[in-house]
Amino acid sequence: MQCYRVKSFGATGRGVSARENIILKTMKAVHLLSATAWAGGAVAMQTLGFLRLNSLDDPAFASVVQYCLHHVDTWVVMPGLAGCLLTGIFYSYYTSFGFFKYFWVGYKWMVSLAACFWGTLFWGPWGDELIALLVPHGLDAPLRFVRSCILPEDIWAAVLQSSLIFSMLIISVYRPLTLRTGWWFRRKHTVR
């Protein structure tokens, strides 16, 4: 009976009440904790990045901030992202949500996989080495843009990253089944 309740969860695309299902409650708690670590770590990294930019006249302090950035990325952001991906795989595989059956689930998968790929690329030296290889050919601008979105170095990149994090939050709360059933569409066409 417990397995049927797990598989039927999300049959309507929005989830159903699963108060007595310990498996779903536990996975939801792990998913929320992981999302909190991922988003909170990303905001903390933005703050540390601005602290580093404001201390360019003190190289020792900037070096300590850079160490803190890598530490937060390694021990908060990446485990949070991994937890979101693992719990997302559980939800997508074992429940009725699927991987791309509903708009909100597909959007979360696209953002999460992109963050995983680009975040891992720039977590180590690989992204900077790739940029250095592309500089002589003049093809480094797209990667520099992606790097600035992953590791914000100015206010606009930080706003873009914060907007993406906020969009993940909003899409998780409202859960539009399709692009046309979002809160912006319902409100506009149902109010008379």
N, C-alpha and C. Protein backbone atom coordinates (compact mmCIF):
# COMPACT_ATOMS: atom_id res chain seq x y z
N MET A 1 0.83 -1.20 0.00
CA MET A 1 0.00 0.00 0.00
C MET A 1 0.87 1.26 0.00
N GLN A 2 1.98 1.23 0.75
CA GLN A 2 2.87 2.39 0.83
C GLN A 2 3.48 2.70 -0.54
N CYS A 3 3.85 1.66 -1.32
CA CYS A 3 4.44 1.87 -2.64
C CYS A 3 3.44 2.49 -3.60
N TYR A 4 2.17 2.08 -3.53
CA TYR A 4 1.16 2.67 -4.40
C TYR A 4 1.00 4.15 -4.10
N ARG A 5 1.02 4.51 -2.82
CA ARG A 5 0.87 5.92 -2.46
C ARG A 5 2.05 6.75 -2.94
N VAL A 6 3.24 6.15 -2.98
CA VAL A 6 4.40 6.88 -3.49
C VAL A 6 4.24 7.08 -4.99
N LYS A 7 3.84 6.05 -5.72
CA LYS A 7 3.70 6.16 -7.17
C LYS A 7 2.55 7.08 -7.57
N SER A 8 1.48 7.12 -6.79
CA SER A 8 0.35 7.97 -7.15
C SER A 8 0.56 9.42 -6.74
N PHE A 9 1.57 9.70 -5.94
CA PHE A 9 1.85 11.07 -5.53
C PHE A 9 2.24 11.88 -6.76
N GLY A 10 1.56 12.97 -6.98
CA GLY A 10 1.86 13.84 -8.10
C GLY A 10 1.10 13.50 -9.35
N ALA A 11 0.09 12.65 -9.26
CA ALA A 11 -0.67 12.24 -10.45
C ALA A 11 -1.35 13.44 -11.11
N THR A 12 -1.69 14.46 -10.33
CA THR A 12 -2.32 15.64 -10.91
C THR A 12 -1.30 16.72 -11.25
N GLY A 13 -0.04 16.46 -10.95
CA GLY A 13 1.00 17.43 -11.26
C GLY A 13 1.30 18.38 -10.12
N ARG A 14 0.47 18.41 -9.11
CA ARG A 14 0.66 19.34 -8.00
C ARG A 14 0.91 18.63 -6.68
N GLY A 15 0.87 17.33 -6.67
CA GLY A 15 1.03 16.59 -5.43
C GLY A 15 -0.29 16.50 -4.70
N VAL A 16 -0.38 15.57 -3.81
CA VAL A 16 -1.57 15.39 -2.98
C VAL A 16 -1.11 15.32 -1.54
N SER A 17 -2.05 15.39 -0.65
CA SER A 17 -1.70 15.29 0.76
C SER A 17 -1.19 13.88 1.05
N ALA A 18 -0.03 13.77 1.65
CA ALA A 18 0.57 12.48 1.98
C ALA A 18 1.01 12.50 3.43
N ARG A 19 0.08 12.83 4.30
CA ARG A 19 0.44 13.02 5.71
C ARG A 19 1.00 11.78 6.38
N GLU A 20 0.47 10.61 6.04
CA GLU A 20 0.91 9.41 6.73
C GLU A 20 2.00 8.65 5.98
N ASN A 21 2.47 9.17 4.85
CA ASN A 21 3.49 8.48 4.06
C ASN A 21 4.88 8.94 4.51
N ILE A 22 5.54 8.10 5.26
CA ILE A 22 6.84 8.44 5.85
C ILE A 22 7.91 8.61 4.77
N ILE A 23 7.81 7.86 3.68
CA ILE A 23 8.81 7.95 2.61
C ILE A 23 8.75 9.33 1.96
N LEU A 24 7.55 9.77 1.59
CA LEU A 24 7.41 11.07 0.93
C LEU A 24 7.75 12.22 1.87
N LYS A 25 7.36 12.10 3.12
CA LYS A 25 7.67 13.17 4.08
C LYS A 25 9.18 13.30 4.28
N THR A 26 9.86 12.16 4.37
CA THR A 26 11.31 12.18 4.56
C THR A 26 12.01 12.75 3.33
N MET A 27 11.59 12.33 2.14
CA MET A 27 12.20 12.85 0.92
C MET A 27 11.94 14.34 0.76
N LYS A 28 10.76 14.78 1.14
CA LYS A 28 10.45 16.21 1.05
C LYS A 28 11.34 17.01 2.01
N ALA A 29 11.54 16.47 3.22
CA ALA A 29 12.41 17.15 4.18
C ALA A 29 13.85 17.23 3.67
N VAL A 30 14.34 16.14 3.10
CA VAL A 30 15.71 16.14 2.55
C VAL A 30 15.80 17.10 1.37
N HIS A 31 14.77 17.13 0.53
CA HIS A 31 14.76 18.04 -0.62
C HIS A 31 14.76 19.49 -0.16
N LEU A 32 13.94 19.82 0.82
CA LEU A 32 13.89 21.20 1.33
C LEU A 32 15.21 21.60 1.98
N LEU A 33 15.80 20.70 2.75
CA LEU A 33 17.10 20.99 3.37
C LEU A 33 18.16 21.22 2.29
N SER A 34 18.16 20.38 1.27
CA SER A 34 19.13 20.53 0.18
C SER A 34 18.92 21.83 -0.58
N ALA A 35 17.67 22.17 -0.86
CA ALA A 35 17.38 23.41 -1.59
C ALA A 35 17.79 24.62 -0.75
N THR A 36 17.58 24.54 0.55
CA THR A 36 17.98 25.63 1.43
C THR A 36 19.50 25.80 1.42
N ALA A 37 20.22 24.68 1.48
CA ALA A 37 21.69 24.75 1.45
C ALA A 37 22.17 25.32 0.11
N TRP A 38 21.58 24.87 -0.98
CA TRP A 38 21.99 25.32 -2.31
C TRP A 38 21.73 26.82 -2.47
N ALA A 39 20.52 27.25 -2.20
CA ALA A 39 20.17 28.66 -2.38
C ALA A 39 20.88 29.54 -1.36
N GLY A 40 20.90 29.12 -0.11
CA GLY A 40 21.57 29.90 0.92
C GLY A 40 23.07 30.02 0.68
N GLY A 41 23.67 28.92 0.23
CA GLY A 41 25.09 28.96 -0.10
C GLY A 41 25.38 29.87 -1.27
N ALA A 42 24.48 29.87 -2.26
CA ALA A 42 24.67 30.75 -3.42
C ALA A 42 24.58 32.22 -3.01
N VAL A 43 23.65 32.54 -2.13
CA VAL A 43 23.53 33.92 -1.65
C VAL A 43 24.75 34.28 -0.81
N ALA A 44 25.22 33.35 0.02
CA ALA A 44 26.42 33.61 0.81
C ALA A 44 27.64 33.83 -0.08
N MET A 45 27.72 33.07 -1.18
CA MET A 45 28.84 33.26 -2.10
C MET A 45 28.76 34.61 -2.79
N GLN A 46 27.55 35.08 -3.09
CA GLN A 46 27.42 36.42 -3.66
C GLN A 46 27.95 37.46 -2.68
N THR A 47 27.58 37.32 -1.43
CA THR A 47 28.03 38.26 -0.41
C THR A 47 29.55 38.23 -0.26
N LEU A 48 30.12 37.03 -0.23
CA LEU A 48 31.58 36.91 -0.15
C LEU A 48 32.26 37.48 -1.39
N GLY A 49 31.65 37.29 -2.54
CA GLY A 49 32.21 37.84 -3.77
C GLY A 49 32.29 39.35 -3.73
N PHE A 50 31.24 39.99 -3.22
CA PHE A 50 31.26 41.45 -3.10
C PHE A 50 32.26 41.90 -2.04
N LEU A 51 32.41 41.12 -0.99
CA LEU A 51 33.41 41.43 0.03
C LEU A 51 34.81 41.38 -0.58
N ARG A 52 35.04 40.39 -1.44
CA ARG A 52 36.35 40.27 -2.10
C ARG A 52 36.59 41.45 -3.05
N LEU A 53 35.56 41.83 -3.81
CA LEU A 53 35.71 42.95 -4.74
C LEU A 53 35.98 44.26 -4.01
N ASN A 54 35.44 44.41 -2.82
CA ASN A 54 35.64 45.64 -2.05
C ASN A 54 36.96 45.65 -1.29
N SER A 55 37.70 44.55 -1.37
CA SER A 55 38.97 44.49 -0.64
C SER A 55 40.14 44.19 -1.57
N LEU A 56 40.07 44.70 -2.78
CA LEU A 56 41.15 44.42 -3.74
C LEU A 56 42.47 45.06 -3.36
N ASP A 57 42.42 46.09 -2.50
CA ASP A 57 43.66 46.73 -2.08
C ASP A 57 44.41 45.92 -1.03
N ASP A 58 43.78 44.90 -0.45
CA ASP A 58 44.43 44.04 0.54
C ASP A 58 44.45 42.61 0.00
N PRO A 59 45.54 42.21 -0.67
CA PRO A 59 45.59 40.88 -1.29
C PRO A 59 45.47 39.72 -0.30
N ALA A 60 45.97 39.89 0.91
CA ALA A 60 45.87 38.82 1.90
C ALA A 60 44.41 38.58 2.28
N PHE A 61 43.66 39.66 2.48
CA PHE A 61 42.24 39.54 2.82
C PHE A 61 41.46 38.94 1.66
N ALA A 62 41.78 39.39 0.43
CA ALA A 62 41.11 38.84 -0.75
C ALA A 62 41.39 37.35 -0.89
N SER A 63 42.58 36.91 -0.52
CA SER A 63 42.93 35.50 -0.58
C SER A 63 42.12 34.69 0.43
N VAL A 64 41.91 35.24 1.62
CA VAL A 64 41.10 34.57 2.64
C VAL A 64 39.65 34.47 2.18
N VAL A 65 39.14 35.54 1.59
CA VAL A 65 37.77 35.52 1.08
C VAL A 65 37.63 34.49 -0.03
N GLN A 66 38.65 34.40 -0.90
CA GLN A 66 38.62 33.40 -1.98
C GLN A 66 38.59 31.99 -1.40
N TYR A 67 39.35 31.76 -0.36
CA TYR A 67 39.33 30.45 0.33
C TYR A 67 37.94 30.17 0.90
N CYS A 68 37.33 31.18 1.49
CA CYS A 68 35.98 31.01 2.05
C CYS A 68 34.96 30.72 0.95
N LEU A 69 35.11 31.40 -0.19
CA LEU A 69 34.22 31.14 -1.33
C LEU A 69 34.30 29.68 -1.76
N HIS A 70 35.52 29.17 -1.90
CA HIS A 70 35.68 27.77 -2.30
C HIS A 70 35.14 26.83 -1.23
N HIS A 71 35.34 27.18 0.01
CA HIS A 71 34.86 26.34 1.13
C HIS A 71 33.33 26.28 1.13
N VAL A 72 32.67 27.41 1.00
CA VAL A 72 31.20 27.43 0.96
C VAL A 72 30.69 26.67 -0.26
N ASP A 73 31.35 26.86 -1.39
CA ASP A 73 30.95 26.15 -2.61
C ASP A 73 31.10 24.64 -2.43
N THR A 74 32.21 24.22 -1.82
CA THR A 74 32.49 22.79 -1.67
C THR A 74 31.60 22.12 -0.63
N TRP A 75 31.36 22.77 0.49
CA TRP A 75 30.69 22.12 1.61
C TRP A 75 29.24 22.53 1.82
N VAL A 76 28.74 23.52 1.08
CA VAL A 76 27.34 23.93 1.23
C VAL A 76 26.61 23.85 -0.11
N VAL A 77 27.11 24.56 -1.11
CA VAL A 77 26.39 24.65 -2.39
C VAL A 77 26.37 23.31 -3.12
N MET A 78 27.52 22.71 -3.32
CA MET A 78 27.57 21.46 -4.09
C MET A 78 26.81 20.32 -3.40
N PRO A 79 26.94 20.11 -2.09
CA PRO A 79 26.11 19.07 -1.46
C PRO A 79 24.61 19.40 -1.54
N GLY A 80 24.27 20.68 -1.44
CA GLY A 80 22.86 21.06 -1.58
C GLY A 80 22.34 20.74 -2.97
N LEU A 81 23.14 21.07 -3.98
CA LEU A 81 22.75 20.76 -5.35
C LEU A 81 22.66 19.25 -5.57
N ALA A 82 23.63 18.51 -5.04
CA ALA A 82 23.59 17.05 -5.18
C ALA A 82 22.36 16.47 -4.49
N GLY A 83 22.03 16.99 -3.31
CA GLY A 83 20.83 16.53 -2.61
C GLY A 83 19.57 16.83 -3.39
N CYS A 84 19.50 18.01 -4.00
CA CYS A 84 18.34 18.36 -4.84
C CYS A 84 18.24 17.42 -6.04
N LEU A 85 19.37 17.14 -6.67
CA LEU A 85 19.35 16.24 -7.82
C LEU A 85 18.94 14.82 -7.43
N LEU A 86 19.47 14.32 -6.32
CA LEU A 86 19.14 12.96 -5.90
C LEU A 86 17.68 12.83 -5.47
N THR A 87 17.19 13.79 -4.72
CA THR A 87 15.78 13.73 -4.34
C THR A 87 14.88 13.99 -5.54
N GLY A 88 15.35 14.81 -6.48
CA GLY A 88 14.60 15.03 -7.71
C GLY A 88 14.51 13.76 -8.54
N ILE A 89 15.60 12.99 -8.59
CA ILE A 89 15.56 11.70 -9.28
C ILE A 89 14.55 10.79 -8.62
N PHE A 90 14.54 10.75 -7.29
CA PHE A 90 13.55 9.93 -6.57
C PHE A 90 12.14 10.35 -6.95
N TYR A 91 11.85 11.64 -6.82
CA TYR A 91 10.50 12.13 -7.12
C TYR A 91 10.13 11.85 -8.57
N SER A 92 11.04 12.10 -9.49
CA SER A 92 10.73 11.93 -10.91
C SER A 92 10.56 10.47 -11.31
N TYR A 93 11.34 9.59 -10.70
CA TYR A 93 11.30 8.18 -11.07
C TYR A 93 10.21 7.41 -10.32
N TYR A 94 10.07 7.65 -9.03
CA TYR A 94 9.18 6.84 -8.22
C TYR A 94 7.78 7.43 -8.03
N THR A 95 7.55 8.66 -8.43
CA THR A 95 6.21 9.22 -8.31
C THR A 95 5.67 9.52 -9.70
N SER A 96 4.48 10.04 -9.77
CA SER A 96 3.84 10.34 -11.05
C SER A 96 4.33 11.65 -11.67
N PHE A 97 5.21 12.38 -10.99
CA PHE A 97 5.66 13.66 -11.53
C PHE A 97 6.41 13.48 -12.84
N GLY A 98 7.23 12.46 -12.95
CA GLY A 98 8.04 12.28 -14.15
C GLY A 98 9.16 13.31 -14.22
N PHE A 99 9.96 13.22 -15.27
CA PHE A 99 11.09 14.13 -15.42
C PHE A 99 10.70 15.42 -16.14
N PHE A 100 9.89 15.32 -17.19
CA PHE A 100 9.49 16.51 -17.95
C PHE A 100 7.99 16.48 -18.27
N LYS A 101 7.22 15.78 -17.45
CA LYS A 101 5.78 15.66 -17.69
C LYS A 101 5.06 16.99 -17.45
N TYR A 102 5.51 17.74 -16.48
CA TYR A 102 4.90 19.03 -16.14
C TYR A 102 5.94 20.13 -16.32
N PHE A 103 5.46 21.32 -16.65
CA PHE A 103 6.34 22.46 -16.91
C PHE A 103 7.24 22.75 -15.72
N TRP A 104 6.68 22.81 -14.52
CA TRP A 104 7.46 23.20 -13.35
C TRP A 104 8.54 22.18 -13.03
N VAL A 105 8.28 20.91 -13.25
CA VAL A 105 9.29 19.88 -12.99
C VAL A 105 10.40 19.99 -14.05
N GLY A 106 10.02 20.15 -15.31
CA GLY A 106 11.01 20.30 -16.37
C GLY A 106 11.90 21.52 -16.18
N TYR A 107 11.28 22.63 -15.76
CA TYR A 107 12.05 23.85 -15.51
C TYR A 107 13.08 23.61 -14.40
N LYS A 108 12.65 22.97 -13.33
CA LYS A 108 13.58 22.70 -12.23
C LYS A 108 14.71 21.78 -12.67
N TRP A 109 14.39 20.79 -13.52
CA TRP A 109 15.44 19.90 -14.01
C TRP A 109 16.43 20.66 -14.89
N MET A 110 15.92 21.52 -15.77
CA MET A 110 16.82 22.27 -16.66
C MET A 110 17.76 23.17 -15.86
N VAL A 111 17.22 23.90 -14.90
CA VAL A 111 18.06 24.79 -14.10
C VAL A 111 19.05 23.99 -13.25
N SER A 112 18.58 22.91 -12.64
CA SER A 112 19.45 22.11 -11.78
C SER A 112 20.59 21.46 -12.56
N LEU A 113 20.28 20.89 -13.72
CA LEU A 113 21.33 20.25 -14.51
C LEU A 113 22.32 21.27 -15.07
N ALA A 114 21.81 22.43 -15.48
CA ALA A 114 22.71 23.49 -15.95
C ALA A 114 23.61 23.97 -14.81
N ALA A 115 23.03 24.16 -13.63
CA ALA A 115 23.83 24.59 -12.47
C ALA A 115 24.86 23.54 -12.11
N CYS A 116 24.48 22.27 -12.20
CA CYS A 116 25.42 21.19 -11.88
C CYS A 116 26.58 21.18 -12.87
N PHE A 117 26.28 21.27 -14.16
CA PHE A 117 27.33 21.24 -15.17
C PHE A 117 28.26 22.45 -15.05
N TRP A 118 27.67 23.65 -15.10
CA TRP A 118 28.49 24.86 -15.07
C TRP A 118 29.14 25.06 -13.72
N GLY A 119 28.44 24.75 -12.65
CA GLY A 119 29.03 24.88 -11.31
C GLY A 119 30.22 23.98 -11.12
N THR A 120 30.11 22.72 -11.60
CA THR A 120 31.23 21.79 -11.49
C THR A 120 32.40 22.23 -12.37
N LEU A 121 32.08 22.76 -13.55
CA LEU A 121 33.14 23.23 -14.45
C LEU A 121 33.96 24.35 -13.81
N PHE A 122 33.28 25.28 -13.13
CA PHE A 122 34.00 26.41 -12.54
C PHE A 122 34.34 26.19 -11.07
N TRP A 123 33.97 25.04 -10.51
CA TRP A 123 34.33 24.70 -9.13
C TRP A 123 35.82 24.43 -9.03
N GLY A 124 36.34 23.79 -10.03
CA GLY A 124 37.78 23.52 -10.09
C GLY A 124 38.43 24.45 -11.09
N PRO A 125 39.64 24.14 -11.50
CA PRO A 125 40.36 25.01 -12.44
C PRO A 125 39.96 24.79 -13.90
N TRP A 126 39.08 23.80 -14.17
CA TRP A 126 38.79 23.42 -15.54
C TRP A 126 38.17 24.55 -16.35
N GLY A 127 37.23 25.27 -15.76
CA GLY A 127 36.57 26.36 -16.49
C GLY A 127 37.53 27.47 -16.87
N ASP A 128 38.39 27.85 -15.94
CA ASP A 128 39.37 28.90 -16.24
C ASP A 128 40.39 28.44 -17.27
N GLU A 129 40.76 27.15 -17.23
CA GLU A 129 41.68 26.62 -18.23
C GLU A 129 41.02 26.61 -19.61
N LEU A 130 39.74 26.27 -19.66
CA LEU A 130 39.02 26.29 -20.93
C LEU A 130 38.91 27.71 -21.48
N ILE A 131 38.65 28.66 -20.60
CA ILE A 131 38.61 30.07 -21.03
C ILE A 131 39.97 30.49 -21.60
N ALA A 132 41.05 30.10 -20.92
CA ALA A 132 42.39 30.45 -21.39
C ALA A 132 42.67 29.83 -22.76
N LEU A 133 42.16 28.64 -23.01
CA LEU A 133 42.34 28.00 -24.32
C LEU A 133 41.55 28.72 -25.42
N LEU A 134 40.42 29.31 -25.06
CA LEU A 134 39.57 29.96 -26.04
C LEU A 134 39.94 31.42 -26.31
N VAL A 135 40.73 32.04 -25.43
CA VAL A 135 41.10 33.45 -25.59
C VAL A 135 41.79 33.72 -26.93
N PRO A 136 42.79 32.92 -27.36
CA PRO A 136 43.45 33.24 -28.64
C PRO A 136 42.51 33.19 -29.84
N HIS A 137 41.42 32.46 -29.73
CA HIS A 137 40.47 32.35 -30.83
C HIS A 137 39.32 33.34 -30.72
N GLY A 138 39.30 34.11 -29.65
CA GLY A 138 38.24 35.10 -29.44
C GLY A 138 36.89 34.48 -29.09
N LEU A 139 36.89 33.27 -28.57
CA LEU A 139 35.64 32.56 -28.25
C LEU A 139 35.40 32.45 -26.75
N ASP A 140 36.05 33.28 -25.99
CA ASP A 140 35.95 33.16 -24.53
C ASP A 140 34.77 33.92 -23.92
N ALA A 141 34.15 34.83 -24.66
CA ALA A 141 33.08 35.68 -24.10
C ALA A 141 31.89 34.89 -23.55
N PRO A 142 31.36 33.87 -24.27
CA PRO A 142 30.23 33.13 -23.69
C PRO A 142 30.58 32.43 -22.37
N LEU A 143 31.76 31.85 -22.30
CA LEU A 143 32.16 31.19 -21.05
C LEU A 143 32.40 32.19 -19.93
N ARG A 144 32.94 33.34 -20.26
CA ARG A 144 33.12 34.38 -19.24
C ARG A 144 31.76 34.84 -18.70
N PHE A 145 30.77 34.94 -19.59
CA PHE A 145 29.42 35.32 -19.15
C PHE A 145 28.84 34.25 -18.21
N VAL A 146 28.96 32.98 -18.59
CA VAL A 146 28.45 31.90 -17.74
C VAL A 146 29.19 31.89 -16.41
N ARG A 147 30.50 32.09 -16.45
CA ARG A 147 31.28 32.12 -15.21
C ARG A 147 30.82 33.26 -14.30
N SER A 148 30.52 34.41 -14.90
CA SER A 148 30.07 35.54 -14.07
C SER A 148 28.68 35.28 -13.49
N CYS A 149 27.89 34.44 -14.15
CA CYS A 149 26.57 34.10 -13.59
C CYS A 149 26.71 33.07 -12.47
N ILE A 150 27.66 32.16 -12.61
CA ILE A 150 27.88 31.15 -11.57
C ILE A 150 28.60 31.76 -10.37
N LEU A 151 29.61 32.56 -10.64
CA LEU A 151 30.38 33.23 -9.59
C LEU A 151 30.26 34.74 -9.82
N PRO A 152 29.18 35.36 -9.35
CA PRO A 152 28.93 36.77 -9.66
C PRO A 152 30.08 37.67 -9.22
N GLU A 153 30.48 38.53 -10.15
CA GLU A 153 31.55 39.48 -9.85
C GLU A 153 31.09 40.92 -10.01
N ASP A 154 29.84 41.11 -10.36
CA ASP A 154 29.28 42.46 -10.39
C ASP A 154 27.80 42.37 -10.01
N ILE A 155 27.18 43.51 -9.85
CA ILE A 155 25.81 43.57 -9.35
C ILE A 155 24.83 42.92 -10.31
N TRP A 156 25.05 43.05 -11.63
CA TRP A 156 24.09 42.53 -12.60
C TRP A 156 24.11 41.01 -12.63
N ALA A 157 25.28 40.42 -12.52
CA ALA A 157 25.36 38.95 -12.47
C ALA A 157 24.72 38.43 -11.19
N ALA A 158 24.91 39.16 -10.09
CA ALA A 158 24.29 38.76 -8.83
C ALA A 158 22.77 38.87 -8.90
N VAL A 159 22.28 39.92 -9.56
CA VAL A 159 20.83 40.07 -9.73
C VAL A 159 20.29 38.93 -10.60
N LEU A 160 21.01 38.58 -11.65
CA LEU A 160 20.59 37.49 -12.52
C LEU A 160 20.54 36.17 -11.76
N GLN A 161 21.58 35.88 -10.99
CA GLN A 161 21.61 34.65 -10.21
C GLN A 161 20.51 34.65 -9.15
N SER A 162 20.31 35.76 -8.48
CA SER A 162 19.24 35.84 -7.47
C SER A 162 17.87 35.66 -8.11
N SER A 163 17.68 36.21 -9.30
CA SER A 163 16.41 36.04 -10.02
C SER A 163 16.17 34.58 -10.38
N LEU A 164 17.21 33.89 -10.78
CA LEU A 164 17.08 32.48 -11.10
C LEU A 164 16.74 31.66 -9.86
N ILE A 165 17.39 31.96 -8.74
CA ILE A 165 17.08 31.28 -7.48
C ILE A 165 15.64 31.58 -7.07
N PHE A 166 15.22 32.83 -7.19
CA PHE A 166 13.85 33.21 -6.84
C PHE A 166 12.84 32.54 -7.77
N SER A 167 13.18 32.43 -9.06
CA SER A 167 12.26 31.76 -9.99
C SER A 167 12.08 30.29 -9.63
N MET A 168 13.14 29.64 -9.15
CA MET A 168 13.02 28.25 -8.71
C MET A 168 12.09 28.16 -7.50
N LEU A 169 12.19 29.11 -6.60
CA LEU A 169 11.31 29.14 -5.43
C LEU A 169 9.86 29.35 -5.86
N ILE A 170 9.62 30.33 -6.71
CA ILE A 170 8.26 30.64 -7.15
C ILE A 170 7.65 29.46 -7.91
N ILE A 171 8.42 28.86 -8.79
CA ILE A 171 7.89 27.74 -9.59
C ILE A 171 7.60 26.54 -8.70
N SER A 172 8.36 26.38 -7.62
CA SER A 172 8.11 25.29 -6.69
C SER A 172 6.85 25.52 -5.86
N VAL A 173 6.54 26.77 -5.58
CA VAL A 173 5.35 27.09 -4.80
C VAL A 173 4.09 27.02 -5.64
N TYR A 174 4.10 27.65 -6.82
CA TYR A 174 2.90 27.73 -7.65
C TYR A 174 2.69 26.49 -8.52
N ARG A 175 3.74 25.82 -8.90
CA ARG A 175 3.70 24.59 -9.70
C ARG A 175 2.78 24.67 -10.91
N PRO A 176 3.06 25.54 -11.87
CA PRO A 176 2.21 25.57 -13.06
C PRO A 176 2.39 24.30 -13.89
N LEU A 177 1.30 23.67 -14.28
CA LEU A 177 1.37 22.42 -15.03
C LEU A 177 1.90 22.64 -16.44
N THR A 178 1.53 23.75 -17.04
CA THR A 178 2.07 24.14 -18.34
C THR A 178 2.42 25.62 -18.24
N LEU A 179 3.04 26.14 -19.25
CA LEU A 179 3.38 27.56 -19.24
C LEU A 179 2.11 28.41 -19.20
N ARG A 180 1.01 27.91 -19.78
CA ARG A 180 -0.24 28.65 -19.83
C ARG A 180 -1.04 28.57 -18.54
N THR A 181 -0.68 27.67 -17.61
CA THR A 181 -1.46 27.56 -16.38
C THR A 181 -0.73 28.15 -15.19
N GLY A 182 0.22 29.00 -15.44
CA GLY A 182 0.93 29.66 -14.35
C GLY A 182 0.05 30.67 -13.65
N TRP A 183 0.49 31.16 -12.53
CA TRP A 183 -0.31 32.12 -11.75
C TRP A 183 -0.57 33.38 -12.55
N TRP A 184 0.38 33.78 -13.42
CA TRP A 184 0.21 34.99 -14.22
C TRP A 184 -0.93 34.82 -15.24
N PHE A 185 -1.11 33.59 -15.74
CA PHE A 185 -2.15 33.36 -16.74
C PHE A 185 -3.52 33.21 -16.07
N ARG A 186 -3.59 32.44 -14.97
CA ARG A 186 -4.85 32.20 -14.28
C ARG A 186 -5.44 33.51 -13.79
N ARG A 187 -4.64 34.32 -13.19
CA ARG A 187 -5.13 35.55 -12.59
C ARG A 187 -5.67 36.51 -13.67
N LYS A 188 -4.98 36.59 -14.77
CA LYS A 188 -5.35 37.50 -15.83
C LYS A 188 -6.68 37.08 -16.49
N HIS A 189 -6.90 35.78 -16.62
CA HIS A 189 -8.06 35.32 -17.36
C HIS A 189 -9.22 34.86 -16.48
N THR A 190 -9.03 34.75 -15.17
CA THR A 190 -10.13 34.31 -14.32
C THR A 190 -10.80 35.48 -13.59
N VAL A 191 -10.11 36.59 -13.43
CA VAL A 191 -10.69 37.75 -12.78
C VAL A 191 -11.55 38.49 -13.79
N ARG A 192 -12.80 38.73 -13.43
CA ARG A 192 -13.70 39.41 -14.38
C ARG A 192 -14.16 40.71 -13.82
